[in-house]
Amino acid sequence: MRSTFRLLANVKPARYLEPFAPTGLTGLVTHPSPRPTLIYLYTTTLEKLKAFPESSVYRQSTEALTRHRLQIVESTKPPGFDEWLERAKKIVAAEPERFKSLRRPDGTYAAILRDDQSDNARGEEWDGERIEPLSDGPVRSPVEEAQFNKVVDELTAGERGESDFHPNFMKWENEPALEAAQISDIENKIASGLIEEVIEVAESELKVVEELEKSKAWEELEEKPLPGQWTYFERSGSSA
């Protein structure tokens, strides 16, 4: 039913879903990269659940559901995935130190891409272009202006060395997108609404796991409950 909302919102079905297009649900737009997002959320949740005792019923049930959904997502590979993966492995192998901080305990890598598709965590930096003043500033004579411009040009000329303000950029190729039919197949197998809703649930579950881990909810209560505190009304049999 939810997938019908998406089709009605997009009017003309296409091979690929348009990122950030309406899904048909208020406040929810089409996710640009649902597969890697879900894999990250599920693998992170499973990793954090390892801190819980194996006897924890919450851990057992959450692990089972998360592994099941992770298997569904991982088994659905977009067209060109294997070729993309080989290219990505070569990039990582060429500069292992650069990707060291992104390496996860299970040996995979995770990163957040910027809008310009680079891995520069500092955001946009000054590119050496002349910055236009916000005001006219002090009045200079033509000679003084020429001398000032010459100094600026000399300072900004030449090759940039390694510094905090001139990082070496690296363009990263995104994982290929899933086809609309593949996304629909995942939604049908998970049976929890649109894939965007599945992502929201995965995000919430991860937050719950993190909070329970912080509070160590599986440990004994510091203050023991009063006698009968957890005893509820029970149905009593009729006496004849």
Protein backbone atom coordinates (compact mmCIF):
# COMPACT_ATOMS: atom_id res chain seq x y z
CA MET A 1 0.00 0.00 0.00
CA ARG A 2 2.80 2.43 0.92
CA SER A 3 4.60 1.75 -2.34
CA THR A 4 1.41 2.83 -4.11
CA PHE A 5 1.69 6.21 -2.37
CA ARG A 6 5.17 6.61 -3.81
CA LEU A 7 4.01 5.73 -7.31
CA LEU A 8 1.16 8.22 -7.07
CA ALA A 9 3.56 10.87 -5.81
CA ASN A 10 5.98 10.33 -8.67
CA VAL A 11 3.17 9.89 -11.24
CA LYS A 12 5.44 8.25 -13.84
CA PRO A 13 7.31 5.18 -12.57
CA ALA A 14 11.00 5.13 -13.57
CA ARG A 15 13.85 2.66 -13.39
CA TYR A 16 15.42 4.66 -10.56
CA LEU A 17 13.76 6.68 -7.82
CA GLU A 18 14.62 10.36 -7.85
CA PRO A 19 16.47 11.34 -4.61
CA PHE A 20 14.53 13.71 -2.33
CA ALA A 21 11.38 13.33 -4.44
CA PRO A 22 8.04 13.02 -2.56
CA THR A 23 7.24 9.56 -1.26
CA GLY A 24 3.56 10.25 -0.78
CA LEU A 25 3.98 10.44 3.01
CA THR A 26 4.03 13.88 4.61
CA GLY A 27 7.51 14.98 5.66
CA LEU A 28 9.23 11.95 4.14
CA VAL A 29 11.25 12.25 0.95
CA THR A 30 13.01 9.61 -1.13
CA HIS A 31 16.32 8.65 0.47
CA PRO A 32 19.33 9.14 -1.86
CA SER A 33 21.27 6.05 -0.70
CA PRO A 34 19.11 3.65 1.34
CA ARG A 35 21.23 0.50 0.92
CA PRO A 36 24.55 1.73 2.42
CA THR A 37 22.61 3.67 5.06
CA LEU A 38 20.75 0.59 6.27
CA ILE A 39 23.89 -1.56 6.17
CA TYR A 40 25.68 1.01 8.33
CA LEU A 41 22.81 1.27 10.82
CA TYR A 42 22.32 -2.49 11.10
CA THR A 43 26.01 -3.36 11.44
CA THR A 44 26.49 -0.60 14.03
CA THR A 45 23.50 -1.87 16.01
CA LEU A 46 24.84 -5.44 15.96
CA GLU A 47 28.27 -4.26 17.08
CA LYS A 48 26.84 -2.32 20.04
CA LEU A 49 24.61 -5.23 21.05
CA LYS A 50 27.76 -7.24 21.79
CA ALA A 51 28.05 -5.24 25.03
CA PHE A 52 24.81 -6.80 26.27
CA PRO A 53 24.84 -10.18 28.07
CA GLU A 54 24.11 -13.09 25.74
CA SER A 55 21.25 -14.04 28.05
CA SER A 56 19.54 -10.67 27.44
CA VAL A 57 16.16 -11.26 25.82
CA TYR A 58 16.33 -7.79 24.28
CA ARG A 59 19.71 -8.58 22.69
CA GLN A 60 18.51 -11.91 21.36
CA SER A 61 15.35 -10.53 19.77
CA THR A 62 16.96 -7.38 18.39
CA GLU A 63 19.92 -9.30 16.97
CA ALA A 64 17.64 -11.79 15.24
CA LEU A 65 15.51 -9.10 13.62
CA THR A 66 18.51 -6.92 12.68
CA ARG A 67 20.45 -9.81 11.12
CA HIS A 68 17.39 -10.85 9.15
CA ARG A 69 16.89 -7.37 7.71
CA LEU A 70 20.61 -6.90 7.09
CA GLN A 71 20.69 -10.11 5.07
CA ILE A 72 17.79 -8.87 2.93
CA VAL A 73 19.50 -5.56 2.22
CA GLU A 74 22.99 -6.96 1.61
CA SER A 75 21.73 -9.65 -0.74
CA THR A 76 20.15 -7.01 -2.98
CA LYS A 77 23.01 -5.53 -4.99
CA PRO A 78 22.53 -2.68 -7.47
CA PRO A 79 23.67 -3.02 -11.09
CA GLY A 80 27.43 -2.49 -11.37
CA PHE A 81 28.03 -3.10 -7.66
CA ASP A 82 30.87 -5.64 -8.04
CA GLU A 83 32.79 -3.40 -10.44
CA TRP A 84 32.32 -0.40 -8.12
CA LEU A 85 33.53 -2.45 -5.15
CA GLU A 86 36.74 -3.39 -6.95
CA ARG A 87 37.44 0.27 -7.74
CA ALA A 88 36.75 1.24 -4.13
CA LYS A 89 39.10 -1.44 -2.80
CA LYS A 90 41.90 -0.14 -5.03
CA ILE A 91 41.42 3.40 -3.73
CA VAL A 92 41.57 2.21 -0.11
CA ALA A 93 44.58 -0.02 -0.78
CA ALA A 94 46.45 2.89 -2.39
CA GLU A 95 46.15 5.07 0.74
CA PRO A 96 45.47 2.79 3.74
CA GLU A 97 46.52 5.40 6.31
CA ARG A 98 44.02 7.90 4.98
CA PHE A 99 41.17 5.45 5.48
CA LYS A 100 42.47 4.02 8.77
CA SER A 101 40.15 6.12 10.92
CA LEU A 102 37.15 4.91 8.91
CA ARG A 103 37.88 1.22 9.39
CA ARG A 104 35.20 -0.56 11.45
CA PRO A 105 35.77 -3.50 13.82
CA ASP A 106 34.40 -5.94 11.24
CA GLY A 107 36.98 -4.82 8.68
CA THR A 108 34.62 -2.75 6.57
CA TYR A 109 34.75 0.99 6.09
CA ALA A 110 32.20 3.71 6.75
CA ALA A 111 32.26 7.41 6.01
CA ILE A 112 30.00 10.40 5.58
CA LEU A 113 30.24 12.10 2.21
CA ARG A 114 29.89 15.81 1.73
CA ASP A 115 27.64 17.31 -0.92
CA ASP A 116 30.63 17.84 -3.22
CA GLN A 117 31.43 14.09 -2.95
CA SER A 118 34.82 14.70 -1.27
CA ASP A 119 36.08 13.30 2.01
CA ASN A 120 37.19 16.68 3.33
CA ALA A 121 35.81 16.87 6.86
CA ARG A 122 36.62 20.58 7.28
CA GLY A 123 34.11 21.72 4.71
CA GLU A 124 34.78 24.20 1.97
CA GLU A 125 38.16 25.88 2.23
CA TRP A 126 39.57 29.02 0.66
CA ASP A 127 40.61 28.15 -2.87
CA GLY A 128 43.09 30.96 -3.32
CA GLU A 129 40.75 33.24 -5.23
CA ARG A 130 40.78 36.90 -4.38
CA ILE A 131 38.24 37.73 -1.66
CA GLU A 132 36.13 40.73 -2.44
CA PRO A 133 36.09 43.23 0.46
CA LEU A 134 32.79 43.86 2.20
CA SER A 135 33.51 47.62 2.18
CA ASP A 136 35.66 49.98 0.18
CA GLY A 137 38.27 50.09 2.94
CA PRO A 138 41.04 52.67 3.03
CA VAL A 139 41.60 54.64 -0.13
CA ARG A 140 44.79 53.60 -1.96
CA SER A 141 46.57 55.31 -4.76
CA PRO A 142 46.94 53.38 -8.04
CA VAL A 143 50.58 52.67 -7.16
CA GLU A 144 49.71 51.40 -3.70
CA GLU A 145 46.92 49.27 -5.13
CA ALA A 146 49.31 47.71 -7.65
CA GLN A 147 51.86 46.96 -4.92
CA PHE A 148 49.16 45.42 -2.72
CA ASN A 149 47.90 43.19 -5.53
CA LYS A 150 51.44 42.10 -6.33
CA VAL A 151 52.02 40.97 -2.73
CA VAL A 152 48.73 39.03 -2.70
CA ASP A 153 49.59 37.34 -6.00
CA GLU A 154 53.03 36.33 -4.73
CA LEU A 155 51.55 34.86 -1.55
CA THR A 156 48.95 32.82 -3.41
CA ALA A 157 51.15 31.72 -6.32
CA GLY A 158 52.99 28.41 -6.56
CA GLU A 159 52.09 24.94 -5.45
CA ARG A 160 50.24 24.48 -2.23
CA GLY A 161 52.13 22.66 0.44
CA GLU A 162 50.67 20.39 3.08
CA SER A 163 48.82 22.50 5.62
CA ASP A 164 45.63 22.52 7.63
CA PHE A 165 44.00 24.93 5.21
CA HIS A 166 44.96 23.20 1.97
CA PRO A 167 43.90 19.57 2.28
CA ASN A 168 44.37 17.18 -0.59
CA PHE A 169 40.95 16.43 -1.97
CA MET A 170 39.88 13.00 -3.08
CA LYS A 171 36.74 12.41 -5.07
CA TRP A 172 34.87 9.33 -3.89
CA GLU A 173 32.58 7.39 -6.16
CA ASN A 174 29.24 6.64 -4.53
CA GLU A 175 27.86 3.12 -4.43
CA PRO A 176 25.57 2.54 -7.44
CA ALA A 177 21.91 3.23 -6.80
CA LEU A 178 19.33 0.50 -6.38
CA GLU A 179 16.69 0.23 -9.04
CA ALA A 180 13.12 1.09 -8.08
CA ALA A 181 12.12 -2.56 -8.48
CA GLN A 182 14.89 -3.64 -6.12
CA ILE A 183 13.80 -1.15 -3.49
CA SER A 184 10.23 -2.37 -3.82
CA ASP A 185 11.46 -5.96 -3.37
CA ILE A 186 13.29 -5.01 -0.15
CA GLU A 187 10.20 -3.22 1.13
CA ASN A 188 8.03 -6.27 0.45
CA LYS A 189 10.46 -8.64 2.20
CA ILE A 190 10.88 -6.46 5.29
CA ALA A 191 7.17 -5.60 5.28
CA SER A 192 7.46 -2.44 7.36
CA GLY A 193 6.44 0.26 4.92
CA LEU A 194 8.63 2.29 2.60
CA ILE A 195 12.39 1.87 2.83
CA GLU A 196 12.57 5.42 4.23
CA GLU A 197 10.35 4.29 7.11
CA VAL A 198 12.59 1.26 7.61
CA ILE A 199 15.57 3.62 7.88
CA GLU A 200 13.77 5.72 10.51
CA VAL A 201 13.02 2.59 12.54
CA ALA A 202 16.67 1.47 12.26
CA GLU A 203 17.87 4.88 13.43
CA SER A 204 15.52 4.78 16.43
CA GLU A 205 16.55 1.23 17.33
CA LEU A 206 20.21 2.23 17.28
CA LYS A 207 19.47 5.13 19.63
CA VAL A 208 17.64 2.76 22.00
CA VAL A 209 20.59 0.34 21.99
CA GLU A 210 23.01 3.19 22.74
CA GLU A 211 20.89 4.44 25.66
CA LEU A 212 20.47 0.95 27.12
CA GLU A 213 24.20 0.37 26.79
CA LYS A 214 24.98 3.62 28.61
CA SER A 215 22.60 2.83 31.47
CA LYS A 216 23.61 -0.87 31.56
CA ALA A 217 19.93 -1.75 31.84
CA TRP A 218 20.75 -5.45 32.32
CA GLU A 219 22.41 -4.88 35.70
CA GLU A 220 20.66 -5.26 39.05
CA LEU A 221 18.73 -2.23 40.31
CA GLU A 222 20.61 -0.08 42.82
CA GLU A 223 17.40 0.22 44.82
CA LYS A 224 15.56 -3.04 45.23
CA PRO A 225 11.80 -2.95 44.52
CA LEU A 226 9.46 -2.99 47.47
CA PRO A 227 7.68 -6.26 48.22
CA GLY A 228 4.73 -6.63 45.88
CA GLN A 229 5.78 -3.63 43.71
CA TRP A 230 5.83 -5.72 40.53
CA THR A 231 2.84 -7.91 41.51
CA TYR A 232 -0.23 -7.16 39.45
CA PHE A 233 -3.87 -8.06 39.86
CA GLU A 234 -4.52 -11.62 38.85
CA ARG A 235 -7.79 -13.18 37.82
CA SER A 236 -9.10 -15.14 40.76
CA GLY A 237 -11.13 -18.29 40.22
CA SER A 238 -14.76 -18.20 41.33
CA SER A 239 -15.54 -20.14 44.45
CA ALA A 240 -18.71 -22.15 44.53
